[in-house]
Amino acid sequence: MARKKKRPNILGPIIIFTLLLLGLWKLIDSYEPVPVSLDNSKEIQELVDEVSYGKVQVNWREVAAVVKVKYSMDTVTSTQIKRTANEFIDRHKGEHTLKTMKTVMEEQNFEESEIKTAQETLDSLNKQYRDNSSQRAFINKMKEGAIANYREYGILPSVTIAQAVLESNWGNSGLTKEYNNLFGIKGHNWDGATANMDTKENYNDQIKSDFRVYASLEESIKDHGQFLVENKRYKKNGLFDGETYQEQAKALQDAGYSTAENEHGEKIYSSMLMDIIQTYQLQVIDSEAELNT
């Protein structure tokens, strides 16, 4: 008598497979980003900058304006903000260009009332973060030379301008007013005139040092790019390989451009530069420089 074939037990594998799927779903769900408040401008900027492609820089205020219309303020997540930022980037044949906020809203089929709300939000954000006239005038004065430096030396305009702001205190330092030295470049390996002045090192140390003297602010900006190229430590630390202002700011710090530290002995130069860039939307100038090259 032939033996009856035993049916394979498939219930066990099904249960195991189901449990694995549930576990995977919980793991994915655990990574769901937490809500992001539109009042937290720095966090939104960082999310937008994360999806921006190098010099094709999306304007975080425009993203925030669109996000406010598309999502609930109580539940909007970092993923949704980054998804919206991506909608501002037009990818065609491997090239990236920026779309206007109007184009993005048209593609999303915004109604007239929604377009109005987004524009009002953008106007409010622009007013909230508007630079005072002297700050904007200083940035505009630096802009042309910074873009020229980018095209010749590869230093992003946002980084050059942020350094000028930080090192010269918006052009108000004695070194800048008297000697047109915007970047605090010292007189080492310099054939021109120098000026001996006090300088701050580390957290709270004051020393005297010789600094380069320039005939004009324009000469100072140009020499800044040349100085970084000629000093091999900047290339060694990846300054010219950096495609974003975050990478270049970190490279400047790692190369020892500044010895600035906080009270805990932690290096803070890159974070100081990035704060300036984000506060005054200097990364948008990087986009202008790249798109108009």
C-alpha atoms as a PDB file:
ATOM      1  CA  MET A   1       0.000   0.000   0.000  1.00  0.00           C
ATOM      2  CA  ALA A   2       1.440   3.332  -1.092  1.00  0.00           C
ATOM      3  CA  ARG A   3       2.222   5.795   1.669  1.00  0.00           C
ATOM      4  CA  LYS A   4       0.135   8.965   1.699  1.00  0.00           C
ATOM      5  CA  LYS A   5       2.229  12.015   0.934  1.00  0.00           C
ATOM      6  CA  LYS A   6       2.495  14.460   3.802  1.00  0.00           C
ATOM      7  CA  ARG A   7       1.279  17.946   2.989  1.00  0.00           C
ATOM      8  CA  PRO A   8       3.908  20.646   3.503  1.00  0.00           C
ATOM      9  CA  ASN A   9       3.218  22.916   6.445  1.00  0.00           C
ATOM     10  CA  ILE A  10       3.033  26.374   4.906  1.00  0.00           C
ATOM     11  CA  LEU A  11       1.328  28.058   7.836  1.00  0.00           C
ATOM     12  CA  GLY A  12       4.569  28.464   9.752  1.00  0.00           C
ATOM     13  CA  PRO A  13       6.484  30.255   6.973  1.00  0.00           C
ATOM     14  CA  ILE A  14       3.473  32.510   6.308  1.00  0.00           C
ATOM     15  CA  ILE A  15       3.331  33.531   9.954  1.00  0.00           C
ATOM     16  CA  ILE A  16       7.077  34.195  10.034  1.00  0.00           C
ATOM     17  CA  PHE A  17       6.895  36.198   6.793  1.00  0.00           C
ATOM     18  CA  THR A  18       3.984  38.245   8.143  1.00  0.00           C
ATOM     19  CA  LEU A  19       5.829  38.985  11.362  1.00  0.00           C
ATOM     20  CA  LEU A  20       8.885  40.061   9.388  1.00  0.00           C
ATOM     21  CA  LEU A  21       6.772  42.426   7.301  1.00  0.00           C
ATOM     22  CA  LEU A  22       5.198  43.917  10.424  1.00  0.00           C
ATOM     23  CA  GLY A  23       8.627  44.366  11.952  1.00  0.00           C
ATOM     24  CA  LEU A  24       9.931  46.048   8.818  1.00  0.00           C
ATOM     25  CA  TRP A  25       6.902  48.337   8.691  1.00  0.00           C
ATOM     26  CA  LYS A  26       7.419  49.378  12.306  1.00  0.00           C
ATOM     27  CA  LEU A  27      11.099  50.027  11.582  1.00  0.00           C
ATOM     28  CA  ILE A  28      10.232  52.235   8.607  1.00  0.00           C
ATOM     29  CA  ASP A  29       7.503  53.961  10.565  1.00  0.00           C
ATOM     30  CA  SER A  30       9.908  54.686  13.415  1.00  0.00           C
ATOM     31  CA  TYR A  31      11.971  56.819  11.015  1.00  0.00           C
ATOM     32  CA  GLU A  32       9.021  59.021  10.064  1.00  0.00           C
ATOM     33  CA  PRO A  33      10.293  62.585  10.550  1.00  0.00           C
ATOM     34  CA  VAL A  34       8.793  64.598  13.364  1.00  0.00           C
ATOM     35  CA  PRO A  35       6.746  67.707  12.569  1.00  0.00           C
ATOM     36  CA  VAL A  36       8.704  70.840  11.685  1.00  0.00           C
ATOM     37  CA  SER A  37       7.513  74.264  12.785  1.00  0.00           C
ATOM     38  CA  LEU A  38       7.595  77.013  10.185  1.00  0.00           C
ATOM     39  CA  ASP A  39       8.756  79.289  12.984  1.00  0.00           C
ATOM     40  CA  ASN A  40      12.052  77.375  12.993  1.00  0.00           C
ATOM     41  CA  SER A  41      13.676  79.069  10.020  1.00  0.00           C
ATOM     42  CA  LYS A  42      17.105  77.496  10.566  1.00  0.00           C
ATOM     43  CA  GLU A  43      15.736  73.944  10.458  1.00  0.00           C
ATOM     44  CA  ILE A  44      13.767  74.689   7.285  1.00  0.00           C
ATOM     45  CA  GLN A  45      16.810  76.243   5.612  1.00  0.00           C
ATOM     46  CA  GLU A  46      18.913  73.198   6.440  1.00  0.00           C
ATOM     47  CA  LEU A  47      16.279  70.870   4.965  1.00  0.00           C
ATOM     48  CA  VAL A  48      16.024  72.963   1.798  1.00  0.00           C
ATOM     49  CA  ASP A  49      19.800  73.240   1.474  1.00  0.00           C
ATOM     50  CA  GLU A  50      20.042  69.467   1.849  1.00  0.00           C
ATOM     51  CA  VAL A  51      18.099  68.895  -1.369  1.00  0.00           C
ATOM     52  CA  SER A  52      19.575  71.828  -3.282  1.00  0.00           C
ATOM     53  CA  TYR A  53      22.058  70.682  -5.911  1.00  0.00           C
ATOM     54  CA  GLY A  54      25.319  72.481  -5.304  1.00  0.00           C
ATOM     55  CA  LYS A  55      24.939  76.003  -6.646  1.00  0.00           C
ATOM     56  CA  VAL A  56      21.308  75.533  -7.737  1.00  0.00           C
ATOM     57  CA  GLN A  57      20.031  76.897  -4.464  1.00  0.00           C
ATOM     58  CA  VAL A  58      16.334  76.813  -3.602  1.00  0.00           C
ATOM     59  CA  ASN A  59      14.946  79.751  -1.619  1.00  0.00           C
ATOM     60  CA  TRP A  60      13.742  78.417   1.739  1.00  0.00           C
ATOM     61  CA  ARG A  61      11.229  81.236   2.177  1.00  0.00           C
ATOM     62  CA  GLU A  62       9.470  80.291  -1.046  1.00  0.00           C
ATOM     63  CA  VAL A  63       9.417  76.650   0.048  1.00  0.00           C
ATOM     64  CA  ALA A  64       7.968  77.640   3.420  1.00  0.00           C
ATOM     65  CA  ALA A  65       5.256  79.701   1.694  1.00  0.00           C
ATOM     66  CA  VAL A  66       4.199  76.750  -0.480  1.00  0.00           C
ATOM     67  CA  VAL A  67       4.393  74.317   2.436  1.00  0.00           C
ATOM     68  CA  LYS A  68       2.042  76.458   4.494  1.00  0.00           C
ATOM     69  CA  VAL A  69      -0.633  76.094   1.814  1.00  0.00           C
ATOM     70  CA  LYS A  70      -0.078  72.394   1.073  1.00  0.00           C
ATOM     71  CA  TYR A  71       0.159  70.950   4.583  1.00  0.00           C
ATOM     72  CA  SER A  72      -1.203  71.350   8.092  1.00  0.00           C
ATOM     73  CA  MET A  73       1.155  73.346  10.300  1.00  0.00           C
ATOM     74  CA  ASP A  74       0.599  70.845  13.115  1.00  0.00           C
ATOM     75  CA  THR A  75       1.690  67.800  11.139  1.00  0.00           C
ATOM     76  CA  VAL A  76       4.066  68.917   8.352  1.00  0.00           C
ATOM     77  CA  THR A  77       7.224  66.797   8.392  1.00  0.00           C
ATOM     78  CA  SER A  78      10.816  67.224   7.260  1.00  0.00           C
ATOM     79  CA  THR A  79      10.130  64.755   4.446  1.00  0.00           C
ATOM     80  CA  GLN A  80       7.282  66.907   3.121  1.00  0.00           C
ATOM     81  CA  ILE A  81       9.438  70.037   3.288  1.00  0.00           C
ATOM     82  CA  LYS A  82      12.233  68.338   1.333  1.00  0.00           C
ATOM     83  CA  ARG A  83       9.719  67.000  -1.175  1.00  0.00           C
ATOM     84  CA  THR A  84       8.402  70.517  -1.716  1.00  0.00           C
ATOM     85  CA  ALA A  85      11.943  71.876  -2.114  1.00  0.00           C
ATOM     86  CA  ASN A  86      12.581  69.250  -4.795  1.00  0.00           C
ATOM     87  CA  GLU A  87       9.591  70.587  -6.732  1.00  0.00           C
ATOM     88  CA  PHE A  88      11.536  73.828  -7.233  1.00  0.00           C
ATOM     89  CA  ILE A  89      14.330  72.014  -9.098  1.00  0.00           C
ATOM     90  CA  ASP A  90      13.835  71.314 -12.797  1.00  0.00           C
ATOM     91  CA  ARG A  91      15.902  68.327 -13.905  1.00  0.00           C
ATOM     92  CA  HIS A  92      16.373  68.112 -17.642  1.00  0.00           C
ATOM     93  CA  LYS A  93      19.023  66.070 -19.454  1.00  0.00           C
ATOM     94  CA  GLY A  94      21.212  65.927 -16.377  1.00  0.00           C
ATOM     95  CA  GLU A  95      21.110  69.684 -15.763  1.00  0.00           C
ATOM     96  CA  HIS A  96      19.418  71.370 -12.836  1.00  0.00           C
ATOM     97  CA  THR A  97      17.680  74.734 -13.049  1.00  0.00           C
ATOM     98  CA  LEU A  98      15.393  76.594 -10.671  1.00  0.00           C
ATOM     99  CA  LYS A  99      11.670  77.042 -11.093  1.00  0.00           C
ATOM    100  CA  THR A 100       9.857  80.126  -9.866  1.00  0.00           C
ATOM    101  CA  MET A 101       7.380  79.833  -7.020  1.00  0.00           C
ATOM    102  CA  LYS A 102       4.654  80.763  -9.492  1.00  0.00           C
ATOM    103  CA  THR A 103       5.578  77.813 -11.725  1.00  0.00           C
ATOM    104  CA  VAL A 104       5.596  75.406  -8.775  1.00  0.00           C
ATOM    105  CA  MET A 105       2.154  76.573  -7.660  1.00  0.00           C
ATOM    106  CA  GLU A 106       0.782  76.274 -11.199  1.00  0.00           C
ATOM    107  CA  GLU A 107       2.108  72.723 -11.458  1.00  0.00           C
ATOM    108  CA  GLN A 108       0.427  71.927  -8.144  1.00  0.00           C
ATOM    109  CA  ASN A 109      -2.865  73.371  -9.437  1.00  0.00           C
ATOM    110  CA  PHE A 110      -3.111  75.935  -6.672  1.00  0.00           C
ATOM    111  CA  GLU A 111      -6.335  77.907  -6.609  1.00  0.00           C
ATOM    112  CA  GLU A 112      -6.281  81.712  -6.658  1.00  0.00           C
ATOM    113  CA  SER A 113      -6.948  81.863  -2.917  1.00  0.00           C
ATOM    114  CA  GLU A 114      -4.047  79.470  -2.256  1.00  0.00           C
ATOM    115  CA  ILE A 115      -1.692  81.480  -4.459  1.00  0.00           C
ATOM    116  CA  LYS A 116      -2.671  84.600  -2.545  1.00  0.00           C
ATOM    117  CA  THR A 117      -2.029  82.906   0.806  1.00  0.00           C
ATOM    118  CA  ALA A 118       1.399  81.650  -0.328  1.00  0.00           C
ATOM    119  CA  GLN A 119       2.390  85.111  -1.593  1.00  0.00           C
ATOM    120  CA  GLU A 120       1.250  86.735   1.653  1.00  0.00           C
ATOM    121  CA  THR A 121       3.317  84.205   3.607  1.00  0.00           C
ATOM    122  CA  LEU A 122       6.377  84.930   1.465  1.00  0.00           C
ATOM    123  CA  ASP A 123       5.919  88.688   1.902  1.00  0.00           C
ATOM    124  CA  SER A 124       5.638  88.184   5.658  1.00  0.00           C
ATOM    125  CA  LEU A 125       8.804  86.068   5.799  1.00  0.00           C
ATOM    126  CA  ASN A 126      10.720  88.576   3.668  1.00  0.00           C
ATOM    127  CA  LYS A 127       9.631  91.343   6.023  1.00  0.00           C
ATOM    128  CA  GLN A 128      10.488  89.283   9.095  1.00  0.00           C
ATOM    129  CA  TYR A 129      13.993  88.463   7.886  1.00  0.00           C
ATOM    130  CA  ARG A 130      14.684  91.689   6.023  1.00  0.00           C
ATOM    131  CA  ASP A 131      18.233  92.978   6.455  1.00  0.00           C
ATOM    132  CA  ASN A 132      18.683  96.536   7.561  1.00  0.00           C
ATOM    133  CA  SER A 133      19.875  98.949   4.905  1.00  0.00           C
ATOM    134  CA  SER A 134      23.518  99.068   6.017  1.00  0.00           C
ATOM    135  CA  GLN A 135      23.821  95.271   6.065  1.00  0.00           C
ATOM    136  CA  ARG A 136      22.240  94.884   2.640  1.00  0.00           C
ATOM    137  CA  ALA A 137      24.443  97.681   1.282  1.00  0.00           C
ATOM    138  CA  PHE A 138      27.543  95.868   2.552  1.00  0.00           C
ATOM    139  CA  ILE A 139      26.434  92.571   0.996  1.00  0.00           C
ATOM    140  CA  ASN A 140      25.745  94.287  -2.318  1.00  0.00           C
ATOM    141  CA  LYS A 141      29.175  95.935  -2.176  1.00  0.00           C
ATOM    142  CA  MET A 142      30.820  92.512  -1.712  1.00  0.00           C
ATOM    143  CA  LYS A 143      28.675  90.630  -4.240  1.00  0.00           C
ATOM    144  CA  GLU A 144      30.377  91.452  -7.543  1.00  0.00           C
ATOM    145  CA  GLY A 145      33.898  90.799  -6.262  1.00  0.00           C
ATOM    146  CA  ALA A 146      32.784  87.595  -4.522  1.00  0.00           C
ATOM    147  CA  ILE A 147      31.242  86.257  -7.732  1.00  0.00           C
ATOM    148  CA  ALA A 148      34.401  87.167  -9.661  1.00  0.00           C
ATOM    149  CA  ASN A 149      36.468  85.287  -7.065  1.00  0.00           C
ATOM    150  CA  TYR A 150      34.225  82.253  -7.453  1.00  0.00           C
ATOM    151  CA  ARG A 151      34.726  82.187 -11.201  1.00  0.00           C
ATOM    152  CA  GLU A 152      38.490  82.532 -10.896  1.00  0.00           C
ATOM    153  CA  TYR A 153      39.269  80.570  -7.745  1.00  0.00           C
ATOM    154  CA  GLY A 154      36.206  78.421  -6.941  1.00  0.00           C
ATOM    155  CA  ILE A 155      35.333  79.956  -3.574  1.00  0.00           C
ATOM    156  CA  LEU A 156      31.556  80.207  -3.267  1.00  0.00           C
ATOM    157  CA  PRO A 157      30.311  83.819  -3.108  1.00  0.00           C
ATOM    158  CA  SER A 158      28.300  83.056   0.028  1.00  0.00           C
ATOM    159  CA  VAL A 159      31.466  81.933   1.813  1.00  0.00           C
ATOM    160  CA  THR A 160      33.496  84.955   0.696  1.00  0.00           C
ATOM    161  CA  ILE A 161      30.769  87.390   1.764  1.00  0.00           C
ATOM    162  CA  ALA A 162      30.197  85.612   5.089  1.00  0.00           C
ATOM    163  CA  GLN A 163      33.918  85.765   5.848  1.00  0.00           C
ATOM    164  CA  ALA A 164      33.955  89.468   4.997  1.00  0.00           C
ATOM    165  CA  VAL A 165      30.992  90.052   7.322  1.00  0.00           C
ATOM    166  CA  LEU A 166      32.552  88.083  10.162  1.00  0.00           C
ATOM    167  CA  GLU A 167      36.164  89.225   9.844  1.00  0.00           C
ATOM    168  CA  SER A 168      35.411  92.925   9.287  1.00  0.00           C
ATOM    169  CA  ASN A 169      32.260  93.268  11.423  1.00  0.00           C
ATOM    170  CA  TRP A 170      30.259  94.470   8.417  1.00  0.00           C
ATOM    171  CA  GLY A 171      33.146  96.662   7.289  1.00  0.00           C
ATOM    172  CA  ASN A 172      33.350  98.487  10.620  1.00  0.00           C
ATOM    173  CA  SER A 173      36.616  97.088  11.968  1.00  0.00           C
ATOM    174  CA  GLY A 174      39.611  99.377  12.248  1.00  0.00           C
ATOM    175  CA  LEU A 175      41.582  97.074   9.972  1.00  0.00           C
ATOM    176  CA  THR A 176      38.964  97.471   7.247  1.00  0.00           C
ATOM    177  CA  LYS A 177      38.281 101.185   7.676  1.00  0.00           C
ATOM    178  CA  GLU A 178      41.945 102.180   7.795  1.00  0.00           C
ATOM    179  CA  TYR A 179      43.612  99.553   5.601  1.00  0.00           C
ATOM    180  CA  ASN A 180      40.847  97.970   3.448  1.00  0.00           C
ATOM    181  CA  ASN A 181      41.637  94.528   4.898  1.00  0.00           C
ATOM    182  CA  LEU A 182      38.286  92.706   4.941  1.00  0.00           C
ATOM    183  CA  PHE A 183      39.446  89.211   5.826  1.00  0.00           C
ATOM    184  CA  GLY A 184      42.033  89.687   8.540  1.00  0.00           C
ATOM    185  CA  ILE A 185      44.801  88.299   6.328  1.00  0.00           C
ATOM    186  CA  LYS A 186      48.160  88.676   8.029  1.00  0.00           C
ATOM    187  CA  GLY A 187      51.311  90.003   6.418  1.00  0.00           C
ATOM    188  CA  HIS A 188      53.185  86.715   6.016  1.00  0.00           C
ATOM    189  CA  ASN A 189      54.680  86.184   2.527  1.00  0.00           C
ATOM    190  CA  TRP A 190      53.514  89.651   1.488  1.00  0.00           C
ATOM    191  CA  ASP A 191      55.618  92.207  -0.371  1.00  0.00           C
ATOM    192  CA  GLY A 192      53.209  95.084   0.189  1.00  0.00           C
ATOM    193  CA  ALA A 193      52.644  97.386   3.141  1.00  0.00           C
ATOM    194  CA  THR A 194      51.547  96.005   6.508  1.00  0.00           C
ATOM    195  CA  ALA A 195      49.941  97.405   9.643  1.00  0.00           C
ATOM    196  CA  ASN A 196      50.589  96.171  13.183  1.00  0.00           C
ATOM    197  CA  MET A 197      47.343  95.774  15.130  1.00  0.00           C
ATOM    198  CA  ASP A 198      45.752  93.831  17.966  1.00  0.00           C
ATOM    199  CA  THR A 199      44.039  90.562  17.076  1.00  0.00           C
ATOM    200  CA  LYS A 200      42.037  87.955  18.984  1.00  0.00           C
ATOM    201  CA  GLU A 201      43.264  84.354  19.066  1.00  0.00           C
ATOM    202  CA  ASN A 202      41.544  81.245  20.427  1.00  0.00           C
ATOM    203  CA  TYR A 203      38.762  81.985  22.916  1.00  0.00           C
ATOM    204  CA  ASN A 204      39.934  85.180  24.574  1.00  0.00           C
ATOM    205  CA  ASP A 205      43.636  85.804  23.844  1.00  0.00           C
ATOM    206  CA  GLN A 206      44.814  89.173  22.510  1.00  0.00           C
ATOM    207  CA  ILE A 207      48.059  89.478  20.563  1.00  0.00           C
ATOM    208  CA  LYS A 208      49.634  91.952  18.122  1.00  0.00           C
ATOM    209  CA  SER A 209      50.299  90.965  14.534  1.00  0.00           C
ATOM    210  CA  ASP A 210      51.094  92.449  11.117  1.00  0.00           C
ATOM    211  CA  PHE A 211      48.246  92.582   8.601  1.00  0.00           C
ATOM    212  CA  ARG A 212      48.191  93.233   4.862  1.00  0.00           C
ATOM    213  CA  VAL A 213      47.285  96.716   3.673  1.00  0.00           C
ATOM    214  CA  TYR A 214      45.243  97.169   0.475  1.00  0.00           C
ATOM    215  CA  ALA A 215      44.517 100.123  -1.760  1.00  0.00           C
ATOM    216  CA  SER A 216      40.827  99.197  -2.006  1.00  0.00           C
ATOM    217  CA  LEU A 217      38.195  96.720  -0.816  1.00  0.00           C
ATOM    218  CA  GLU A 218      38.172  95.216  -4.303  1.00  0.00           C
ATOM    219  CA  GLU A 219      41.887  94.464  -3.998  1.00  0.00           C
ATOM    220  CA  SER A 220      41.247  92.803  -0.636  1.00  0.00           C
ATOM    221  CA  ILE A 221      38.545  90.537  -2.079  1.00  0.00           C
ATOM    222  CA  LYS A 222      40.735  89.457  -4.985  1.00  0.00           C
ATOM    223  CA  ASP A 223      43.723  88.789  -2.741  1.00  0.00           C
ATOM    224  CA  HIS A 224      41.491  86.684  -0.491  1.00  0.00           C
ATOM    225  CA  GLY A 225      40.913  84.157  -3.290  1.00  0.00           C
ATOM    226  CA  GLN A 226      44.568  84.205  -4.306  1.00  0.00           C
ATOM    227  CA  PHE A 227      45.654  83.743  -0.678  1.00  0.00           C
ATOM    228  CA  LEU A 228      43.511  80.611  -0.302  1.00  0.00           C
ATOM    229  CA  VAL A 229      44.809  79.122  -3.560  1.00  0.00           C
ATOM    230  CA  GLU A 230      48.468  79.807  -2.748  1.00  0.00           C
ATOM    231  CA  ASN A 231      48.291  78.251   0.717  1.00  0.00           C
ATOM    232  CA  LYS A 232      48.306  74.492   0.142  1.00  0.00           C
ATOM    233  CA  ARG A 233      46.614  73.658   3.445  1.00  0.00           C
ATOM    234  CA  TYR A 234      43.270  74.835   2.066  1.00  0.00           C
ATOM    235  CA  LYS A 235      43.424  72.500  -0.911  1.00  0.00           C
ATOM    236  CA  LYS A 236      44.631  69.706   1.376  1.00  0.00           C
ATOM    237  CA  ASN A 237      41.569  70.166   3.591  1.00  0.00           C
ATOM    238  CA  GLY A 238      39.169  70.011   0.649  1.00  0.00           C
ATOM    239  CA  LEU A 239      38.208  73.663   0.259  1.00  0.00           C
ATOM    240  CA  PHE A 240      38.171  73.582  -3.543  1.00  0.00           C
ATOM    241  CA  ASP A 241      36.445  70.207  -3.668  1.00  0.00           C
ATOM    242  CA  GLY A 242      33.542  71.505  -1.590  1.00  0.00           C
ATOM    243  CA  GLU A 243      30.391  72.043  -3.648  1.00  0.00           C
ATOM    244  CA  THR A 244      28.285  73.539  -0.855  1.00  0.00           C
ATOM    245  CA  TYR A 245      28.827  76.392   1.560  1.00  0.00           C
ATOM    246  CA  GLN A 246      28.690  73.892   4.445  1.00  0.00           C
ATOM    247  CA  GLU A 247      31.592  71.902   3.007  1.00  0.00           C
ATOM    248  CA  GLN A 248      33.697  74.969   2.236  1.00  0.00           C
ATOM    249  CA  ALA A 249      33.047  76.541   5.645  1.00  0.00           C
ATOM    250  CA  LYS A 250      34.136  73.320   7.362  1.00  0.00           C
ATOM    251  CA  ALA A 251      37.255  73.137   5.158  1.00  0.00           C
ATOM    252  CA  LEU A 252      38.243  76.690   6.138  1.00  0.00           C
ATOM    253  CA  GLN A 253      37.921  75.746   9.782  1.00  0.00           C
ATOM    254  CA  ASP A 254      39.848  72.491   9.359  1.00  0.00           C
ATOM    255  CA  ALA A 255      42.626  74.331   7.501  1.00  0.00           C
ATOM    256  CA  GLY A 256      42.988  76.758  10.396  1.00  0.00           C
ATOM    257  CA  TYR A 257      41.785  79.982   8.791  1.00  0.00           C
ATOM    258  CA  SER A 258      40.528  81.023  12.205  1.00  0.00           C
ATOM    259  CA  THR A 259      41.321  79.773  15.701  1.00  0.00           C
ATOM    260  CA  ALA A 260      37.928  80.898  17.040  1.00  0.00           C
ATOM    261  CA  GLU A 261      36.722  78.684  19.892  1.00  0.00           C
ATOM    262  CA  ASN A 262      33.906  78.811  22.416  1.00  0.00           C
ATOM    263  CA  GLU A 263      34.335  78.631  26.178  1.00  0.00           C
ATOM    264  CA  HIS A 264      34.509  74.834  25.949  1.00  0.00           C
ATOM    265  CA  GLY A 265      37.455  74.891  23.547  1.00  0.00           C
ATOM    266  CA  GLU A 266      35.327  73.793  20.583  1.00  0.00           C
ATOM    267  CA  LYS A 267      36.012  75.209  17.125  1.00  0.00           C
ATOM    268  CA  ILE A 268      33.128  77.412  15.997  1.00  0.00           C
ATOM    269  CA  TYR A 269      34.330  79.186  12.843  1.00  0.00           C
ATOM    270  CA  SER A 270      32.354  77.064  10.364  1.00  0.00           C
ATOM    271  CA  SER A 271      29.122  77.354  12.348  1.00  0.00           C
ATOM    272  CA  MET A 272      29.563  81.138  12.570  1.00  0.00           C
ATOM    273  CA  LEU A 273      29.945  81.362   8.795  1.00  0.00           C
ATOM    274  CA  MET A 274      26.945  79.111   8.153  1.00  0.00           C
ATOM    275  CA  ASP A 275      24.767  81.147  10.522  1.00  0.00           C
ATOM    276  CA  ILE A 276      25.577  84.314   8.568  1.00  0.00           C
ATOM    277  CA  ILE A 277      24.929  82.620   5.221  1.00  0.00           C
ATOM    278  CA  GLN A 278      21.556  81.268   6.349  1.00  0.00           C
ATOM    279  CA  THR A 279      20.444  84.441   8.116  1.00  0.00           C
ATOM    280  CA  TYR A 280      21.095  86.659   5.099  1.00  0.00           C
ATOM    281  CA  GLN A 281      20.228  84.139   2.353  1.00  0.00           C
ATOM    282  CA  LEU A 282      23.732  84.381   0.877  1.00  0.00           C
ATOM    283  CA  GLN A 283      23.432  80.887  -0.607  1.00  0.00           C
ATOM    284  CA  VAL A 284      20.998  82.312  -3.155  1.00  0.00           C
ATOM    285  CA  ILE A 285      23.918  84.346  -4.549  1.00  0.00           C
ATOM    286  CA  ASP A 286      25.686  81.029  -5.202  1.00  0.00           C
ATOM    287  CA  SER A 287      22.764  80.080  -7.457  1.00  0.00           C
ATOM    288  CA  GLU A 288      22.941  83.414  -9.291  1.00  0.00           C
ATOM    289  CA  ALA A 289      26.672  83.017  -9.857  1.00  0.00           C
ATOM    290  CA  GLU A 290      26.298  79.495 -11.227  1.00  0.00           C
ATOM    291  CA  LEU A 291      23.258  80.154 -13.395  1.00  0.00           C
ATOM    292  CA  ASN A 292      24.821  83.258 -14.947  1.00  0.00           C
ATOM    293  CA  THR A 293      28.206  81.662 -15.652  1.00  0.00           C
END
